[in-house]
């Protein structure tokens, strides 16, 4: 197997790895966005519920209703804390996937650069060979014209 073929194989493998990493990065970014939306929704719901609680307290409420409001607010706070952790983990995963994608993209670009240099060298060698053949042909023509 010649080096050109080997480089093409490496480039194709690196391209596939980079594409796979990009898909994983996209999924991780989407998961982080979804987690953030869910957190925003929970915080909004908690704020609305807290306003309702304050309004109910202003007009008066039973101790049982007060405990129920407080218990539900506690559950919402726990859900918010849990969702904040989910968001942190999703952002961490997104950062890791971004780093992995960047590394695979650098590798792919390195192989592409090597391939471009090899192609340029092959063109240079071919041009040099053609020039040598033309020089030899011209020298023979000059020799036979004497």
N, C-alpha and C. Protein backbone atom coordinates (compact mmCIF):
# COMPACT_ATOMS: atom_id res chain seq x y z
N UNK A 1 0.85 -1.17 0.00
CA UNK A 1 0.00 0.00 0.00
C UNK A 1 0.90 1.24 0.00
N UNK A 2 0.68 2.14 -0.94
CA UNK A 2 1.52 3.33 -1.00
C UNK A 2 1.09 4.36 0.04
N UNK A 3 1.97 5.33 0.27
CA UNK A 3 1.71 6.29 1.33
C UNK A 3 0.50 7.16 1.03
N UNK A 4 0.22 7.43 -0.23
CA UNK A 4 -0.96 8.24 -0.61
C UNK A 4 -2.23 7.52 -0.17
N UNK A 5 -2.29 6.24 -0.44
CA UNK A 5 -3.45 5.44 -0.06
C UNK A 5 -3.58 5.37 1.46
N UNK A 6 -2.45 5.25 2.13
CA UNK A 6 -2.48 5.21 3.59
C UNK A 6 -2.99 6.53 4.16
N UNK A 7 -2.53 7.63 3.59
CA UNK A 7 -2.99 8.95 4.04
C UNK A 7 -4.48 9.12 3.79
N UNK A 8 -4.96 8.68 2.64
CA UNK A 8 -6.39 8.77 2.35
C UNK A 8 -7.20 7.97 3.36
N UNK A 9 -6.70 6.79 3.72
CA UNK A 9 -7.37 5.97 4.72
C UNK A 9 -7.40 6.69 6.06
N UNK A 10 -6.28 7.26 6.46
CA UNK A 10 -6.22 8.00 7.71
C UNK A 10 -7.16 9.21 7.70
N UNK A 11 -7.20 9.91 6.58
CA UNK A 11 -8.08 11.07 6.46
C UNK A 11 -9.54 10.64 6.58
N UNK A 12 -9.90 9.56 5.91
CA UNK A 12 -11.28 9.07 5.99
C UNK A 12 -11.64 8.64 7.41
N UNK A 13 -10.74 7.95 8.07
CA UNK A 13 -10.99 7.55 9.46
C UNK A 13 -11.12 8.76 10.36
N UNK A 14 -10.24 9.73 10.17
CA UNK A 14 -10.28 10.94 10.99
C UNK A 14 -11.56 11.73 10.71
N UNK A 15 -11.99 11.76 9.45
CA UNK A 15 -13.23 12.46 9.10
C UNK A 15 -14.43 11.80 9.78
N UNK A 16 -14.47 10.48 9.76
CA UNK A 16 -15.57 9.76 10.43
C UNK A 16 -15.54 10.03 11.93
N UNK A 17 -14.35 9.99 12.52
CA UNK A 17 -14.24 10.25 13.96
C UNK A 17 -14.68 11.68 14.28
N UNK A 18 -14.31 12.62 13.43
CA UNK A 18 -14.70 14.01 13.64
C UNK A 18 -16.21 14.17 13.49
N UNK A 19 -16.80 13.51 12.51
CA UNK A 19 -18.26 13.58 12.32
C UNK A 19 -18.99 12.98 13.52
N UNK A 20 -18.49 11.85 14.00
CA UNK A 20 -19.10 11.22 15.18
C UNK A 20 -18.99 12.14 16.40
N UNK A 21 -17.83 12.75 16.57
CA UNK A 21 -17.63 13.66 17.69
C UNK A 21 -18.55 14.87 17.57
N UNK A 22 -18.75 15.35 16.35
CA UNK A 22 -19.65 16.49 16.14
C UNK A 22 -21.10 16.11 16.49
N UNK A 23 -21.50 14.90 16.14
CA UNK A 23 -22.86 14.43 16.49
C UNK A 23 -23.02 14.33 18.00
N UNK A 24 -22.00 13.79 18.67
CA UNK A 24 -22.07 13.70 20.14
C UNK A 24 -22.10 15.09 20.76
N UNK A 25 -21.32 16.01 20.21
CA UNK A 25 -21.32 17.38 20.72
C UNK A 25 -22.70 18.02 20.53
N UNK A 26 -23.29 17.83 19.37
CA UNK A 26 -24.63 18.37 19.13
C UNK A 26 -25.66 17.82 20.11
N UNK A 27 -25.58 16.52 20.37
CA UNK A 27 -26.50 15.90 21.33
C UNK A 27 -26.27 16.44 22.73
N UNK A 28 -25.01 16.64 23.10
CA UNK A 28 -24.70 17.15 24.44
C UNK A 28 -25.17 18.60 24.59
N UNK A 29 -24.99 19.40 23.55
CA UNK A 29 -25.46 20.79 23.59
C UNK A 29 -26.98 20.82 23.71
N UNK A 30 -27.66 19.95 22.95
CA UNK A 30 -29.12 19.89 23.02
C UNK A 30 -29.58 19.47 24.41
N UNK A 31 -28.91 18.48 25.00
CA UNK A 31 -29.27 18.02 26.33
C UNK A 31 -29.09 19.14 27.36
N UNK A 32 -28.01 19.90 27.23
CA UNK A 32 -27.77 21.02 28.14
C UNK A 32 -28.85 22.09 27.97
N UNK A 33 -29.22 22.36 26.74
CA UNK A 33 -30.29 23.34 26.48
C UNK A 33 -31.62 22.88 27.05
N UNK A 34 -31.93 21.59 26.87
CA UNK A 34 -33.17 21.05 27.42
C UNK A 34 -33.17 21.12 28.94
N UNK A 35 -32.04 20.81 29.56
CA UNK A 35 -31.93 20.86 31.02
C UNK A 35 -32.11 22.30 31.51
N UNK A 36 -31.55 23.24 30.76
CA UNK A 36 -31.69 24.65 31.16
C UNK A 36 -33.14 25.12 31.03
N UNK A 37 -33.81 24.70 29.97
CA UNK A 37 -35.23 25.06 29.81
C UNK A 37 -36.07 24.48 30.94
N UNK A 38 -35.79 23.25 31.29
CA UNK A 38 -36.55 22.61 32.37
C UNK A 38 -36.29 23.33 33.69
N UNK A 39 -35.06 23.71 33.93
CA UNK A 39 -34.73 24.46 35.15
C UNK A 39 -35.48 25.79 35.17
N UNK A 40 -35.46 26.50 34.05
CA UNK A 40 -36.18 27.78 33.96
C UNK A 40 -37.67 27.59 34.23
N UNK A 41 -38.22 26.51 33.69
CA UNK A 41 -39.64 26.22 33.90
C UNK A 41 -39.92 25.97 35.39
N UNK A 42 -39.07 25.17 36.03
CA UNK A 42 -39.26 24.89 37.45
C UNK A 42 -39.14 26.15 38.30
N UNK A 43 -38.16 26.99 37.99
CA UNK A 43 -37.98 28.24 38.75
C UNK A 43 -39.19 29.15 38.55
N UNK A 44 -39.67 29.24 37.33
CA UNK A 44 -40.86 30.04 37.06
C UNK A 44 -42.08 29.51 37.80
N UNK A 45 -42.25 28.21 37.78
CA UNK A 45 -43.38 27.59 38.48
C UNK A 45 -43.27 27.84 39.98
N UNK A 46 -42.05 27.72 40.51
CA UNK A 46 -41.86 27.97 41.95
C UNK A 46 -42.18 29.41 42.29
N UNK A 47 -41.74 30.36 41.45
CA UNK A 47 -42.03 31.77 41.70
C UNK A 47 -43.53 32.05 41.66
N UNK A 48 -44.22 31.46 40.68
CA UNK A 48 -45.68 31.63 40.60
C UNK A 48 -46.37 31.04 41.84
N UNK A 49 -45.90 29.87 42.25
CA UNK A 49 -46.49 29.21 43.41
C UNK A 49 -46.23 30.02 44.68
N UNK A 50 -45.03 30.58 44.78
CA UNK A 50 -44.70 31.41 45.95
C UNK A 50 -45.58 32.65 45.99
N UNK A 51 -45.85 33.25 44.84
CA UNK A 51 -46.75 34.41 44.79
C UNK A 51 -48.16 34.02 45.23
N UNK A 52 -48.61 32.87 44.78
CA UNK A 52 -49.92 32.36 45.20
C UNK A 52 -49.95 32.11 46.69
N UNK A 53 -48.86 31.60 47.23
CA UNK A 53 -48.75 31.35 48.66
C UNK A 53 -48.85 32.67 49.44
N UNK A 54 -48.13 33.68 48.97
CA UNK A 54 -48.18 34.99 49.64
C UNK A 54 -49.58 35.59 49.57
N UNK A 55 -50.23 35.44 48.42
CA UNK A 55 -51.60 35.96 48.28
C UNK A 55 -52.55 35.22 49.22
N UNK A 56 -52.39 33.91 49.33
CA UNK A 56 -53.24 33.12 50.22
C UNK A 56 -52.99 33.48 51.68
N UNK A 57 -51.74 33.75 52.01
CA UNK A 57 -51.42 34.16 53.39
C UNK A 57 -52.02 35.53 53.70
N UNK A 58 -52.10 36.41 52.73
CA UNK A 58 -52.64 37.75 52.95
C UNK A 58 -54.13 37.71 53.28
N UNK A 59 -54.83 36.75 52.68
CA UNK A 59 -56.27 36.66 52.97
C UNK A 59 -56.55 35.67 54.10
N UNK A 60 -55.54 34.97 54.53
CA UNK A 60 -55.69 34.02 55.62
C UNK A 60 -55.81 32.60 55.12
N UNK A 61 -55.18 31.69 55.86
CA UNK A 61 -55.23 30.27 55.49
C UNK A 61 -55.13 29.42 56.74
N UNK A 62 -55.56 28.20 56.60
CA UNK A 62 -55.53 27.27 57.73
C UNK A 62 -54.11 26.77 57.93
N UNK A 63 -53.80 26.32 59.14
CA UNK A 63 -52.47 25.75 59.38
C UNK A 63 -52.18 24.56 58.45
N UNK A 64 -53.19 23.78 58.15
CA UNK A 64 -53.00 22.62 57.25
C UNK A 64 -52.63 23.11 55.85
N UNK A 65 -53.32 24.11 55.34
CA UNK A 65 -53.02 24.66 54.01
C UNK A 65 -51.62 25.27 54.01
N UNK A 66 -51.26 25.93 55.12
CA UNK A 66 -49.93 26.53 55.25
C UNK A 66 -48.85 25.45 55.14
N UNK A 67 -49.04 24.34 55.88
CA UNK A 67 -48.07 23.23 55.83
C UNK A 67 -48.00 22.62 54.43
N UNK A 68 -49.14 22.50 53.78
CA UNK A 68 -49.16 21.93 52.43
C UNK A 68 -48.40 22.84 51.45
N UNK A 69 -48.63 24.15 51.55
CA UNK A 69 -47.89 25.10 50.70
C UNK A 69 -46.39 24.99 50.96
N UNK A 70 -46.03 24.98 52.24
CA UNK A 70 -44.62 24.92 52.61
C UNK A 70 -43.99 23.61 52.12
N UNK A 71 -44.71 22.50 52.29
CA UNK A 71 -44.18 21.20 51.86
C UNK A 71 -43.98 21.19 50.34
N UNK A 72 -44.96 21.75 49.61
CA UNK A 72 -44.83 21.75 48.15
C UNK A 72 -43.70 22.67 47.71
N UNK A 73 -43.54 23.81 48.37
CA UNK A 73 -42.42 24.70 48.05
C UNK A 73 -41.08 23.98 48.30
N UNK A 74 -41.02 23.20 49.38
CA UNK A 74 -39.81 22.43 49.66
C UNK A 74 -39.53 21.41 48.57
N UNK A 75 -40.59 20.76 48.09
CA UNK A 75 -40.43 19.79 47.00
C UNK A 75 -39.97 20.48 45.72
N UNK A 76 -40.52 21.66 45.45
CA UNK A 76 -40.08 22.42 44.28
C UNK A 76 -38.62 22.83 44.42
N UNK A 77 -38.22 23.26 45.61
CA UNK A 77 -36.82 23.63 45.83
C UNK A 77 -35.89 22.44 45.61
N UNK A 78 -36.32 21.25 46.08
CA UNK A 78 -35.52 20.04 45.85
C UNK A 78 -35.45 19.70 44.37
N UNK A 79 -36.57 19.86 43.68
CA UNK A 79 -36.58 19.58 42.23
C UNK A 79 -35.66 20.56 41.50
N UNK A 80 -35.67 21.82 41.92
CA UNK A 80 -34.80 22.82 41.31
C UNK A 80 -33.34 22.49 41.56
N UNK A 81 -33.01 22.11 42.80
CA UNK A 81 -31.62 21.73 43.12
C UNK A 81 -31.19 20.53 42.28
N UNK A 82 -32.07 19.54 42.15
CA UNK A 82 -31.75 18.37 41.33
C UNK A 82 -31.56 18.74 39.87
N UNK A 83 -32.41 19.64 39.36
CA UNK A 83 -32.28 20.05 37.97
C UNK A 83 -31.03 20.88 37.76
N UNK A 84 -30.63 21.66 38.75
CA UNK A 84 -29.39 22.41 38.63
C UNK A 84 -28.20 21.45 38.51
N UNK A 85 -28.25 20.35 39.24
CA UNK A 85 -27.18 19.35 39.14
C UNK A 85 -27.20 18.68 37.77
N UNK A 86 -28.39 18.38 37.27
CA UNK A 86 -28.51 17.80 35.92
C UNK A 86 -27.92 18.77 34.89
N UNK A 87 -28.22 20.05 35.04
CA UNK A 87 -27.69 21.06 34.12
C UNK A 87 -26.17 21.13 34.21
N UNK A 88 -25.62 21.11 35.42
CA UNK A 88 -24.15 21.14 35.57
C UNK A 88 -23.51 19.94 34.89
N UNK A 89 -24.10 18.77 35.08
CA UNK A 89 -23.56 17.56 34.44
C UNK A 89 -23.67 17.64 32.92
N UNK A 90 -24.78 18.16 32.43
CA UNK A 90 -24.96 18.29 30.98
C UNK A 90 -23.96 19.29 30.40
N UNK A 91 -23.71 20.37 31.12
CA UNK A 91 -22.72 21.36 30.65
C UNK A 91 -21.31 20.77 30.69
N UNK A 92 -21.01 20.00 31.72
CA UNK A 92 -19.71 19.34 31.81
C UNK A 92 -19.53 18.38 30.63
N UNK A 93 -20.56 17.59 30.35
CA UNK A 93 -20.49 16.65 29.22
C UNK A 93 -20.33 17.41 27.91
N UNK A 94 -21.03 18.51 27.78
CA UNK A 94 -20.92 19.33 26.58
C UNK A 94 -19.50 19.85 26.42
N UNK A 95 -18.89 20.30 27.50
CA UNK A 95 -17.51 20.78 27.45
C UNK A 95 -16.55 19.66 27.05
N UNK A 96 -16.76 18.47 27.61
CA UNK A 96 -15.90 17.32 27.27
C UNK A 96 -16.06 16.94 25.81
N UNK A 97 -17.28 16.93 25.32
CA UNK A 97 -17.53 16.58 23.92
C UNK A 97 -16.94 17.64 22.99
N UNK A 98 -16.98 18.89 23.41
CA UNK A 98 -16.39 19.95 22.59
C UNK A 98 -14.88 19.76 22.49
N UNK A 99 -14.26 19.42 23.61
CA UNK A 99 -12.81 19.17 23.61
C UNK A 99 -12.48 17.97 22.73
N UNK A 100 -13.28 16.92 22.83
CA UNK A 100 -13.04 15.73 22.01
C UNK A 100 -13.21 16.05 20.52
N UNK A 101 -14.24 16.83 20.18
CA UNK A 101 -14.45 17.21 18.79
C UNK A 101 -13.28 18.05 18.27
N UNK A 102 -12.82 19.01 19.08
CA UNK A 102 -11.70 19.85 18.66
C UNK A 102 -10.46 19.00 18.41
N UNK A 103 -10.21 18.03 19.28
CA UNK A 103 -9.04 17.16 19.11
C UNK A 103 -9.16 16.34 17.83
N UNK A 104 -10.33 15.78 17.58
CA UNK A 104 -10.49 14.97 16.37
C UNK A 104 -10.43 15.84 15.12
N UNK A 105 -10.90 17.07 15.22
CA UNK A 105 -10.83 17.98 14.07
C UNK A 105 -9.38 18.38 13.79
N UNK A 106 -8.61 18.61 14.86
CA UNK A 106 -7.18 18.92 14.67
C UNK A 106 -6.47 17.76 14.00
N UNK A 107 -6.77 16.56 14.42
CA UNK A 107 -6.15 15.37 13.83
C UNK A 107 -6.50 15.26 12.35
N UNK A 108 -7.78 15.46 12.03
CA UNK A 108 -8.22 15.39 10.63
C UNK A 108 -7.51 16.46 9.80
N UNK A 109 -7.41 17.66 10.33
CA UNK A 109 -6.75 18.74 9.60
C UNK A 109 -5.26 18.47 9.43
N UNK A 110 -4.64 17.84 10.41
CA UNK A 110 -3.23 17.49 10.29
C UNK A 110 -3.01 16.50 9.15
N UNK A 111 -3.86 15.49 9.07
CA UNK A 111 -3.74 14.51 7.99
C UNK A 111 -3.99 15.18 6.64
N UNK A 112 -4.96 16.08 6.58
CA UNK A 112 -5.25 16.79 5.34
C UNK A 112 -4.06 17.63 4.92
N UNK A 113 -3.43 18.30 5.88
CA UNK A 113 -2.24 19.10 5.58
C UNK A 113 -1.12 18.22 5.05
N UNK A 114 -0.90 17.08 5.69
CA UNK A 114 0.12 16.15 5.20
C UNK A 114 -0.19 15.70 3.78
N UNK A 115 -1.46 15.42 3.51
CA UNK A 115 -1.87 14.99 2.17
C UNK A 115 -1.62 16.11 1.16
N UNK A 116 -1.97 17.34 1.52
CA UNK A 116 -1.74 18.47 0.61
C UNK A 116 -0.25 18.64 0.32
N UNK A 117 0.57 18.52 1.34
CA UNK A 117 2.02 18.64 1.13
C UNK A 117 2.53 17.52 0.23
N UNK A 118 2.02 16.31 0.44
CA UNK A 118 2.45 15.18 -0.39
C UNK A 118 2.03 15.41 -1.85
N UNK A 119 0.84 15.94 -2.06
CA UNK A 119 0.39 16.23 -3.42
C UNK A 119 1.26 17.32 -4.06
N UNK A 120 1.57 18.35 -3.31
CA UNK A 120 2.43 19.41 -3.83
C UNK A 120 3.81 18.88 -4.18
N UNK A 121 4.33 18.02 -3.35
CA UNK A 121 5.65 17.42 -3.61
C UNK A 121 5.60 16.54 -4.86
N UNK A 122 4.51 15.79 -5.01
CA UNK A 122 4.37 14.94 -6.20
C UNK A 122 4.31 15.80 -7.47
N UNK A 123 3.60 16.92 -7.40
CA UNK A 123 3.53 17.83 -8.55
C UNK A 123 4.90 18.41 -8.85
N UNK A 124 5.63 18.79 -7.81
CA UNK A 124 6.96 19.35 -7.99
C UNK A 124 7.89 18.32 -8.62
N UNK A 125 7.87 17.09 -8.15
CA UNK A 125 8.71 16.03 -8.70
C UNK A 125 8.34 15.76 -10.15
N UNK A 126 7.06 15.73 -10.45
CA UNK A 126 6.60 15.49 -11.82
C UNK A 126 7.05 16.62 -12.74
N UNK A 127 6.94 17.85 -12.27
CA UNK A 127 7.38 19.00 -13.09
C UNK A 127 8.88 18.94 -13.34
N UNK A 128 9.63 18.54 -12.32
CA UNK A 128 11.09 18.43 -12.46
C UNK A 128 11.44 17.33 -13.46
N UNK A 129 10.72 16.21 -13.39
CA UNK A 129 10.95 15.11 -14.32
C UNK A 129 10.61 15.53 -15.75
N UNK A 130 9.48 16.22 -15.91
CA UNK A 130 9.09 16.70 -17.24
C UNK A 130 10.14 17.67 -17.79
N UNK A 131 10.62 18.56 -16.93
CA UNK A 131 11.63 19.53 -17.38
C UNK A 131 12.91 18.81 -17.80
N UNK A 132 13.30 17.77 -17.07
CA UNK A 132 14.50 17.02 -17.41
C UNK A 132 14.33 16.32 -18.76
N UNK A 133 13.15 15.73 -18.99
CA UNK A 133 12.88 15.07 -20.28
C UNK A 133 12.91 16.07 -21.42
N UNK A 134 12.32 17.24 -21.19
CA UNK A 134 12.32 18.26 -22.25
C UNK A 134 13.74 18.76 -22.53
N UNK A 135 14.55 18.92 -21.49
CA UNK A 135 15.93 19.35 -21.67
C UNK A 135 16.72 18.30 -22.46
N UNK A 136 16.51 17.01 -22.11
CA UNK A 136 17.19 15.94 -22.83
C UNK A 136 16.76 15.90 -24.29
N UNK A 137 15.48 16.08 -24.52
CA UNK A 137 14.95 16.09 -25.89
C UNK A 137 15.54 17.27 -26.68
N UNK A 138 15.59 18.42 -26.07
CA UNK A 138 16.16 19.61 -26.74
C UNK A 138 17.64 19.40 -27.02
N UNK A 139 18.36 18.77 -26.08
CA UNK A 139 19.79 18.52 -26.28
C UNK A 139 20.01 17.55 -27.43
N UNK A 140 19.14 16.50 -27.51
CA UNK A 140 19.27 15.56 -28.61
C UNK A 140 18.94 16.23 -29.96
N UNK A 141 17.94 17.06 -29.98
CA UNK A 141 17.59 17.77 -31.21
C UNK A 141 18.74 18.66 -31.66
N UNK A 142 19.35 19.33 -30.70
CA UNK A 142 20.49 20.22 -31.04
C UNK A 142 21.66 19.39 -31.52
N UNK A 143 21.87 18.23 -30.94
CA UNK A 143 22.99 17.38 -31.33
C UNK A 143 22.80 16.87 -32.75
N UNK A 144 21.58 16.44 -33.09
CA UNK A 144 21.34 15.87 -34.42
C UNK A 144 21.27 16.94 -35.51
N UNK A 145 21.01 18.18 -35.17
CA UNK A 145 20.94 19.25 -36.17
C UNK A 145 22.32 19.67 -36.63
N UNK A 146 23.34 19.36 -35.95
CA UNK A 146 24.70 19.76 -36.33
C UNK A 146 25.11 19.16 -37.61
